Amino acid sequence: MKKEKLTVETDENGTITYHNADGKLHNPNGPAFISADGYKAYLINDKKLTEADFKAWQAQQTAPLHNKTATIDGIEYNLTAK
């Protein structure tokens, strides 16, 4: 998985948030929002995902052929995992 620079902030209530370089709630490694009472929300580029959807997204990102290119008969193809 491509390394990204994330900004991690904790507010006065103890809520922890992760933001990407564009300022969007984003954490490819886990929840992007964690409240002081333990509530967790998984977000990728401000898009909220269920934990199951997040884990599926994570698996897709680490799939061996994800975001690779292949040339077949002179035609270049971009590969993504499903």
PDB file of N, CA and C in Angstrom:
ATOM      1  N   MET A   1       0.843  -1.169   0.000  1.00  0.00           N
ATOM      2  CA  MET A   1       0.000   0.000   0.000  1.00  0.00           C
ATOM      3  C   MET A   1       0.888   1.231   0.000  1.00  0.00           C
ATOM      4  N   LYS A   2       0.547   2.196  -0.808  1.00  0.00           N
ATOM      5  CA  LYS A   2       1.305   3.436  -0.907  1.00  0.00           C
ATOM      6  C   LYS A   2       1.256   4.195   0.420  1.00  0.00           C
ATOM      7  N   LYS A   3       2.414   4.666   0.862  1.00  0.00           N
ATOM      8  CA  LYS A   3       2.489   5.435   2.102  1.00  0.00           C
ATOM      9  C   LYS A   3       1.956   6.832   1.858  1.00  0.00           C
ATOM     10  N   GLU A   4       1.130   7.299   2.771  1.00  0.00           N
ATOM     11  CA  GLU A   4       0.574   8.637   2.697  1.00  0.00           C
ATOM     12  C   GLU A   4       0.924   9.389   3.961  1.00  0.00           C
ATOM     13  N   LYS A   5       1.068  10.697   3.834  1.00  0.00           N
ATOM     14  CA  LYS A   5       1.280  11.521   5.013  1.00  0.00           C
ATOM     15  C   LYS A   5      -0.091  11.870   5.578  1.00  0.00           C
ATOM     16  N   LEU A   6      -0.326  11.493   6.821  1.00  0.00           N
ATOM     17  CA  LEU A   6      -1.584  11.777   7.494  1.00  0.00           C
ATOM     18  C   LEU A   6      -1.346  12.744   8.640  1.00  0.00           C
ATOM     19  N   THR A   7      -2.322  13.595   8.884  1.00  0.00           N
ATOM     20  CA  THR A   7      -2.286  14.485  10.034  1.00  0.00           C
ATOM     21  C   THR A   7      -3.216  13.887  11.075  1.00  0.00           C
ATOM     22  N   VAL A   8      -2.712  13.729  12.290  1.00  0.00           N
ATOM     23  CA  VAL A   8      -3.502  13.163  13.375  1.00  0.00           C
ATOM     24  C   VAL A   8      -3.747  14.272  14.394  1.00  0.00           C
ATOM     25  N   GLU A   9      -5.015  14.465  14.740  1.00  0.00           N
ATOM     26  CA  GLU A   9      -5.376  15.505  15.695  1.00  0.00           C
ATOM     27  C   GLU A   9      -6.220  14.913  16.811  1.00  0.00           C
ATOM     28  N   THR A  10      -6.026  15.444  18.002  1.00  0.00           N
ATOM     29  CA  THR A  10      -6.848  15.079  19.147  1.00  0.00           C
ATOM     30  C   THR A  10      -7.465  16.352  19.687  1.00  0.00           C
ATOM     31  N   ASP A  11      -8.801  16.381  19.793  1.00  0.00           N
ATOM     32  CA  ASP A  11      -9.444  17.596  20.298  1.00  0.00           C
ATOM     33  C   ASP A  11      -9.543  17.566  21.819  1.00  0.00           C
ATOM     34  N   GLU A  12     -10.121  18.629  22.386  1.00  0.00           N
ATOM     35  CA  GLU A  12     -10.199  18.770  23.844  1.00  0.00           C
ATOM     36  C   GLU A  12     -11.072  17.710  24.496  1.00  0.00           C
ATOM     37  N   ASN A  13     -11.930  17.041  23.720  1.00  0.00           N
ATOM     38  CA  ASN A  13     -12.787  15.974  24.251  1.00  0.00           C
ATOM     39  C   ASN A  13     -12.137  14.599  24.142  1.00  0.00           C
ATOM     40  N   GLY A  14     -10.968  14.531  23.493  1.00  0.00           N
ATOM     41  CA  GLY A  14     -10.278  13.258  23.328  1.00  0.00           C
ATOM     42  C   GLY A  14     -10.587  12.560  22.017  1.00  0.00           C
ATOM     43  N   THR A  15     -11.339  13.211  21.131  1.00  0.00           N
ATOM     44  CA  THR A  15     -11.638  12.627  19.828  1.00  0.00           C
ATOM     45  C   THR A  15     -10.398  12.720  18.939  1.00  0.00           C
ATOM     46  N   ILE A  16     -10.059  11.598  18.316  1.00  0.00           N
ATOM     47  CA  ILE A  16      -8.887  11.520  17.442  1.00  0.00           C
ATOM     48  C   ILE A  16      -9.377  11.449  15.998  1.00  0.00           C
ATOM     49  N   THR A  17      -8.791  12.288  15.137  1.00  0.00           N
ATOM     50  CA  THR A  17      -9.136  12.261  13.717  1.00  0.00           C
ATOM     51  C   THR A  17      -7.863  12.189  12.879  1.00  0.00           C
ATOM     52  N   TYR A  18      -7.984  11.528  11.748  1.00  0.00           N
ATOM     53  CA  TYR A  18      -6.896  11.401  10.781  1.00  0.00           C
ATOM     54  C   TYR A  18      -7.338  12.091   9.495  1.00  0.00           C
ATOM     55  N   HIS A  19      -6.458  12.929   8.932  1.00  0.00           N
ATOM     56  CA  HIS A  19      -6.759  13.643   7.697  1.00  0.00           C
ATOM     57  C   HIS A  19      -5.628  13.424   6.695  1.00  0.00           C
ATOM     58  N   ASN A  20      -5.985  13.377   5.412  1.00  0.00           N
ATOM     59  CA  ASN A  20      -4.967  13.274   4.363  1.00  0.00           C
ATOM     60  C   ASN A  20      -4.479  14.671   3.986  1.00  0.00           C
ATOM     61  N   ALA A  21      -3.618  14.746   3.003  1.00  0.00           N
ATOM     62  CA  ALA A  21      -3.036  16.028   2.586  1.00  0.00           C
ATOM     63  C   ALA A  21      -4.092  17.002   2.074  1.00  0.00           C
ATOM     64  N   ASP A  22      -5.238  16.492   1.618  1.00  0.00           N
ATOM     65  CA  ASP A  22      -6.327  17.342   1.134  1.00  0.00           C
ATOM     66  C   ASP A  22      -7.258  17.784   2.264  1.00  0.00           C
ATOM     67  N   GLY A  23      -6.962  17.369   3.501  1.00  0.00           N
ATOM     68  CA  GLY A  23      -7.790  17.745   4.641  1.00  0.00           C
ATOM     69  C   GLY A  23      -9.015  16.877   4.837  1.00  0.00           C
ATOM     70  N   LYS A  24      -9.135  15.805   4.052  1.00  0.00           N
ATOM     71  CA  LYS A  24     -10.291  14.917   4.167  1.00  0.00           C
ATOM     72  C   LYS A  24     -10.058  13.883   5.252  1.00  0.00           C
ATOM     73  N   LEU A  25     -11.146  13.502   5.946  1.00  0.00           N
ATOM     74  CA  LEU A  25     -11.038  12.407   6.908  1.00  0.00           C
ATOM     75  C   LEU A  25     -10.630  11.164   6.137  1.00  0.00           C
ATOM     76  N   HIS A  26      -9.521  10.559   6.575  1.00  0.00           N
ATOM     77  CA  HIS A  26      -8.935   9.491   5.770  1.00  0.00           C
ATOM     78  C   HIS A  26      -7.905   8.745   6.607  1.00  0.00           C
ATOM     79  N   ASN A  27      -8.017   7.430   6.634  1.00  0.00           N
ATOM     80  CA  ASN A  27      -6.983   6.604   7.257  1.00  0.00           C
ATOM     81  C   ASN A  27      -7.015   5.226   6.600  1.00  0.00           C
ATOM     82  N   PRO A  28      -6.037   4.919   5.759  1.00  0.00           N
ATOM     83  CA  PRO A  28      -6.021   3.622   5.096  1.00  0.00           C
ATOM     84  C   PRO A  28      -5.609   2.476   6.012  1.00  0.00           C
ATOM     85  N   ASN A  29      -5.232   2.797   7.256  1.00  0.00           N
ATOM     86  CA  ASN A  29      -4.744   1.777   8.186  1.00  0.00           C
ATOM     87  C   ASN A  29      -5.729   1.421   9.290  1.00  0.00           C
ATOM     88  N   GLY A  30      -6.839   2.145   9.385  1.00  0.00           N
ATOM     89  CA  GLY A  30      -7.810   1.901  10.446  1.00  0.00           C
ATOM     90  C   GLY A  30      -8.831   3.015  10.499  1.00  0.00           C
ATOM     91  N   PRO A  31      -9.505   3.163  11.641  1.00  0.00           N
ATOM     92  CA  PRO A  31     -10.526   4.203  11.737  1.00  0.00           C
ATOM     93  C   PRO A  31      -9.921   5.598  11.570  1.00  0.00           C
ATOM     94  N   ALA A  32     -10.654   6.483  10.900  1.00  0.00           N
ATOM     95  CA  ALA A  32     -10.209   7.861  10.713  1.00  0.00           C
ATOM     96  C   ALA A  32     -10.817   8.773  11.776  1.00  0.00           C
ATOM     97  N   PHE A  33     -11.773   8.256  12.531  1.00  0.00           N
ATOM     98  CA  PHE A  33     -12.439   9.010  13.590  1.00  0.00           C
ATOM     99  C   PHE A  33     -12.626   8.082  14.775  1.00  0.00           C
ATOM    100  N   ILE A  34     -12.091   8.483  15.913  1.00  0.00           N
ATOM    101  CA  ILE A  34     -12.236   7.686  17.133  1.00  0.00           C
ATOM    102  C   ILE A  34     -12.647   8.645  18.240  1.00  0.00           C
ATOM    103  N   SER A  35     -13.866   8.468  18.760  1.00  0.00           N
ATOM    104  CA  SER A  35     -14.337   9.368  19.808  1.00  0.00           C
ATOM    105  C   SER A  35     -13.836   8.883  21.166  1.00  0.00           C
ATOM    106  N   ALA A  36     -13.906   9.754  22.132  1.00  0.00           N
ATOM    107  CA  ALA A  36     -13.431   9.438  23.487  1.00  0.00           C
ATOM    108  C   ALA A  36     -14.199   8.262  24.094  1.00  0.00           C
ATOM    109  N   ASP A  37     -15.466   8.086  23.678  1.00  0.00           N
ATOM    110  CA  ASP A  37     -16.255   6.973  24.222  1.00  0.00           C
ATOM    111  C   ASP A  37     -16.032   5.663  23.462  1.00  0.00           C
ATOM    112  N   GLY A  38     -15.116   5.678  22.475  1.00  0.00           N
ATOM    113  CA  GLY A  38     -14.751   4.452  21.772  1.00  0.00           C
ATOM    114  C   GLY A  38     -15.410   4.241  20.427  1.00  0.00           C
ATOM    115  N   TYR A  39     -16.327   5.126  20.036  1.00  0.00           N
ATOM    116  CA  TYR A  39     -16.952   5.005  18.720  1.00  0.00           C
ATOM    117  C   TYR A  39     -15.884   5.182  17.642  1.00  0.00           C
ATOM    118  N   LYS A  40     -15.905   4.312  16.635  1.00  0.00           N
ATOM    119  CA  LYS A  40     -14.929   4.369  15.543  1.00  0.00           C
ATOM    120  C   LYS A  40     -15.661   4.465  14.209  1.00  0.00           C
ATOM    121  N   ALA A  41     -15.135   5.317  13.324  1.00  0.00           N
ATOM    122  CA  ALA A  41     -15.686   5.437  11.977  1.00  0.00           C
ATOM    123  C   ALA A  41     -14.544   5.278  10.986  1.00  0.00           C
ATOM    124  N   TYR A  42     -14.796   4.479   9.973  1.00  0.00           N
ATOM    125  CA  TYR A  42     -13.810   4.232   8.920  1.00  0.00           C
ATOM    126  C   TYR A  42     -14.145   5.130   7.732  1.00  0.00           C
ATOM    127  N   LEU A  43     -13.191   5.956   7.322  1.00  0.00           N
ATOM    128  CA  LEU A  43     -13.407   6.866   6.202  1.00  0.00           C
ATOM    129  C   LEU A  43     -12.208   6.840   5.272  1.00  0.00           C
ATOM    130  N   ILE A  44     -12.495   6.876   3.986  1.00  0.00           N
ATOM    131  CA  ILE A  44     -11.478   7.004   2.952  1.00  0.00           C
ATOM    132  C   ILE A  44     -11.882   8.210   2.109  1.00  0.00           C
ATOM    133  N   ASN A  45     -11.044   9.246   2.126  1.00  0.00           N
ATOM    134  CA  ASN A  45     -11.344  10.487   1.394  1.00  0.00           C
ATOM    135  C   ASN A  45     -12.739  11.018   1.715  1.00  0.00           C
ATOM    136  N   ASP A  46     -13.053  11.081   3.004  1.00  0.00           N
ATOM    137  CA  ASP A  46     -14.343  11.582   3.521  1.00  0.00           C
ATOM    138  C   ASP A  46     -15.522  10.647   3.253  1.00  0.00           C
ATOM    139  N   LYS A  47     -15.290   9.499   2.634  1.00  0.00           N
ATOM    140  CA  LYS A  47     -16.383   8.560   2.383  1.00  0.00           C
ATOM    141  C   LYS A  47     -16.424   7.541   3.514  1.00  0.00           C
ATOM    142  N   LYS A  48     -17.563   7.507   4.223  1.00  0.00           N
ATOM    143  CA  LYS A  48     -17.716   6.595   5.350  1.00  0.00           C
ATOM    144  C   LYS A  48     -17.966   5.171   4.854  1.00  0.00           C
ATOM    145  N   LEU A  49     -17.254   4.221   5.448  1.00  0.00           N
ATOM    146  CA  LEU A  49     -17.392   2.807   5.100  1.00  0.00           C
ATOM    147  C   LEU A  49     -17.741   2.018   6.353  1.00  0.00           C
ATOM    148  N   THR A  50     -18.460   0.912   6.171  1.00  0.00           N
ATOM    149  CA  THR A  50     -18.624  -0.010   7.284  1.00  0.00           C
ATOM    150  C   THR A  50     -17.261  -0.662   7.538  1.00  0.00           C
ATOM    151  N   GLU A  51     -17.092  -1.269   8.677  1.00  0.00           N
ATOM    152  CA  GLU A  51     -15.812  -1.933   8.949  1.00  0.00           C
ATOM    153  C   GLU A  51     -15.547  -3.033   7.929  1.00  0.00           C
ATOM    154  N   ALA A  52     -16.585  -3.769   7.548  1.00  0.00           N
ATOM    155  CA  ALA A  52     -16.424  -4.837   6.554  1.00  0.00           C
ATOM    156  C   ALA A  52     -16.018  -4.268   5.197  1.00  0.00           C
ATOM    157  N   ASP A  53     -16.669  -3.177   4.783  1.00  0.00           N
ATOM    158  CA  ASP A  53     -16.308  -2.546   3.514  1.00  0.00           C
ATOM    159  C   ASP A  53     -14.892  -1.987   3.558  1.00  0.00           C
ATOM    160  N   PHE A  54     -14.507  -1.452   4.712  1.00  0.00           N
ATOM    161  CA  PHE A  54     -13.153  -0.930   4.868  1.00  0.00           C
ATOM    162  C   PHE A  54     -12.132  -2.054   4.713  1.00  0.00           C
ATOM    163  N   LYS A  55     -12.382  -3.191   5.354  1.00  0.00           N
ATOM    164  CA  LYS A  55     -11.451  -4.317   5.257  1.00  0.00           C
ATOM    165  C   LYS A  55     -11.364  -4.840   3.824  1.00  0.00           C
ATOM    166  N   ALA A  56     -12.482  -4.845   3.105  1.00  0.00           N
ATOM    167  CA  ALA A  56     -12.473  -5.258   1.693  1.00  0.00           C
ATOM    168  C   ALA A  56     -11.669  -4.257   0.866  1.00  0.00           C
ATOM    169  N   TRP A  57     -11.849  -2.956   1.130  1.00  0.00           N
ATOM    170  CA  TRP A  57     -11.085  -1.919   0.427  1.00  0.00           C
ATOM    171  C   TRP A  57      -9.596  -2.100   0.702  1.00  0.00           C
ATOM    172  N   GLN A  58      -9.267  -2.350   1.964  1.00  0.00           N
ATOM    173  CA  GLN A  58      -7.859  -2.538   2.352  1.00  0.00           C
ATOM    174  C   GLN A  58      -7.255  -3.737   1.628  1.00  0.00           C
ATOM    175  N   ALA A  59      -7.985  -4.832   1.564  1.00  0.00           N
ATOM    176  CA  ALA A  59      -7.490  -6.035   0.879  1.00  0.00           C
ATOM    177  C   ALA A  59      -7.265  -5.755  -0.600  1.00  0.00           C
ATOM    178  N   GLN A  60      -8.164  -4.980  -1.207  1.00  0.00           N
ATOM    179  CA  GLN A  60      -8.009  -4.638  -2.620  1.00  0.00           C
ATOM    180  C   GLN A  60      -6.736  -3.828  -2.840  1.00  0.00           C
ATOM    181  N   GLN A  61      -6.439  -2.918  -1.930  1.00  0.00           N
ATOM    182  CA  GLN A  61      -5.265  -2.059  -2.072  1.00  0.00           C
ATOM    183  C   GLN A  61      -3.961  -2.847  -1.976  1.00  0.00           C
ATOM    184  N   THR A  62      -3.975  -3.944  -1.249  1.00  0.00           N
ATOM    185  CA  THR A  62      -2.754  -4.728  -1.059  1.00  0.00           C
ATOM    186  C   THR A  62      -2.688  -5.952  -1.977  1.00  0.00           C
ATOM    187  N   ALA A  63      -3.696  -6.131  -2.831  1.00  0.00           N
ATOM    188  CA  ALA A  63      -3.687  -7.261  -3.760  1.00  0.00           C
ATOM    189  C   ALA A  63      -2.454  -7.165  -4.663  1.00  0.00           C
ATOM    190  N   PRO A  64      -1.834  -8.297  -4.979  1.00  0.00           N
ATOM    191  CA  PRO A  64      -0.576  -8.280  -5.740  1.00  0.00           C
ATOM    192  C   PRO A  64      -0.632  -7.547  -7.076  1.00  0.00           C
ATOM    193  N   LEU A  65      -1.751  -7.554  -7.763  1.00  0.00           N
ATOM    194  CA  LEU A  65      -1.810  -6.932  -9.085  1.00  0.00           C
ATOM    195  C   LEU A  65      -2.510  -5.580  -9.084  1.00  0.00           C
ATOM    196  N   HIS A  66      -2.907  -5.088  -7.930  1.00  0.00           N
ATOM    197  CA  HIS A  66      -3.633  -3.818  -7.884  1.00  0.00           C
ATOM    198  C   HIS A  66      -2.744  -2.660  -8.329  1.00  0.00           C
ATOM    199  N   ASN A  67      -3.271  -1.837  -9.202  1.00  0.00           N
ATOM    200  CA  ASN A  67      -2.563  -0.656  -9.734  1.00  0.00           C
ATOM    201  C   ASN A  67      -1.277  -1.016 -10.474  1.00  0.00           C
ATOM    202  N   LYS A  68      -1.269  -2.147 -11.140  1.00  0.00           N
ATOM    203  CA  LYS A  68      -0.138  -2.556 -11.968  1.00  0.00           C
ATOM    204  C   LYS A  68      -0.544  -2.422 -13.428  1.00  0.00           C
ATOM    205  N   THR A  69       0.427  -2.397 -14.294  1.00  0.00           N
ATOM    206  CA  THR A  69       0.137  -2.373 -15.727  1.00  0.00           C
ATOM    207  C   THR A  69       0.713  -3.619 -16.367  1.00  0.00           C
ATOM    208  N   ALA A  70       0.063  -4.048 -17.435  1.00  0.00           N
ATOM    209  CA  ALA A  70       0.542  -5.183 -18.213  1.00  0.00           C
ATOM    210  C   ALA A  70       0.382  -4.827 -19.689  1.00  0.00           C
ATOM    211  N   THR A  71       1.342  -5.233 -20.488  1.00  0.00           N
ATOM    212  CA  THR A  71       1.263  -5.010 -21.932  1.00  0.00           C
ATOM    213  C   THR A  71       1.050  -6.352 -22.612  1.00  0.00           C
ATOM    214  N   ILE A  72      -0.041  -6.444 -23.349  1.00  0.00           N
ATOM    215  CA  ILE A  72      -0.391  -7.668 -24.061  1.00  0.00           C
ATOM    216  C   ILE A  72      -0.620  -7.289 -25.519  1.00  0.00           C
ATOM    217  N   ASP A  73       0.131  -7.911 -26.407  1.00  0.00           N
ATOM    218  CA  ASP A  73       0.038  -7.622 -27.846  1.00  0.00           C
ATOM    219  C   ASP A  73       0.156  -6.125 -28.124  1.00  0.00           C
ATOM    220  N   GLY A  74       1.058  -5.464 -27.402  1.00  0.00           N
ATOM    221  CA  GLY A  74       1.313  -4.041 -27.629  1.00  0.00           C
ATOM    222  C   GLY A  74       0.297  -3.102 -27.011  1.00  0.00           C
ATOM    223  N   ILE A  75      -0.689  -3.636 -26.318  1.00  0.00           N
ATOM    224  CA  ILE A  75      -1.710  -2.802 -25.676  1.00  0.00           C
ATOM    225  C   ILE A  75      -1.454  -2.809 -24.171  1.00  0.00           C
ATOM    226  N   GLU A  76      -1.394  -1.610 -23.577  1.00  0.00           N
ATOM    227  CA  GLU A  76      -1.138  -1.506 -22.137  1.00  0.00           C
ATOM    228  C   GLU A  76      -2.478  -1.523 -21.381  1.00  0.00           C
ATOM    229  N   TYR A  77      -2.548  -2.368 -20.357  1.00  0.00           N
ATOM    230  CA  TYR A  77      -3.742  -2.497 -19.539  1.00  0.00           C
ATOM    231  C   TYR A  77      -3.399  -2.096 -18.107  1.00  0.00           C
ATOM    232  N   ASN A  78      -4.326  -1.378 -17.461  1.00  0.00           N
ATOM    233  CA  ASN A  78      -4.188  -1.071 -16.032  1.00  0.00           C
ATOM    234  C   ASN A  78      -4.979  -2.133 -15.275  1.00  0.00           C
ATOM    235  N   LEU A  79      -4.331  -2.763 -14.304  1.00  0.00           N
ATOM    236  CA  LEU A  79      -4.950  -3.840 -13.549  1.00  0.00           C
ATOM    237  C   LEU A  79      -5.401  -3.336 -12.184  1.00  0.00           C
ATOM    238  N   THR A  80      -6.566  -3.781 -11.769  1.00  0.00           N
ATOM    239  CA  THR A  80      -7.049  -3.501 -10.424  1.00  0.00           C
ATOM    240  C   THR A  80      -7.632  -4.789  -9.860  1.00  0.00           C
ATOM    241  N   ALA A  81      -7.584  -4.937  -8.570  1.00  0.00           N
ATOM    242  CA  ALA A  81      -8.112  -6.126  -7.921  1.00  0.00           C
ATOM    243  C   ALA A  81      -9.605  -5.974  -7.707  1.00  0.00           C
ATOM    244  N   LYS A  82     -10.301  -7.078  -7.670  1.00  0.00           N
ATOM    245  CA  LYS A  82     -11.744  -7.082  -7.371  1.00  0.00           C
ATOM    246  C   LYS A  82     -11.993  -7.924  -6.166  1.00  0.00           C
TER     247      LYS A  82
END
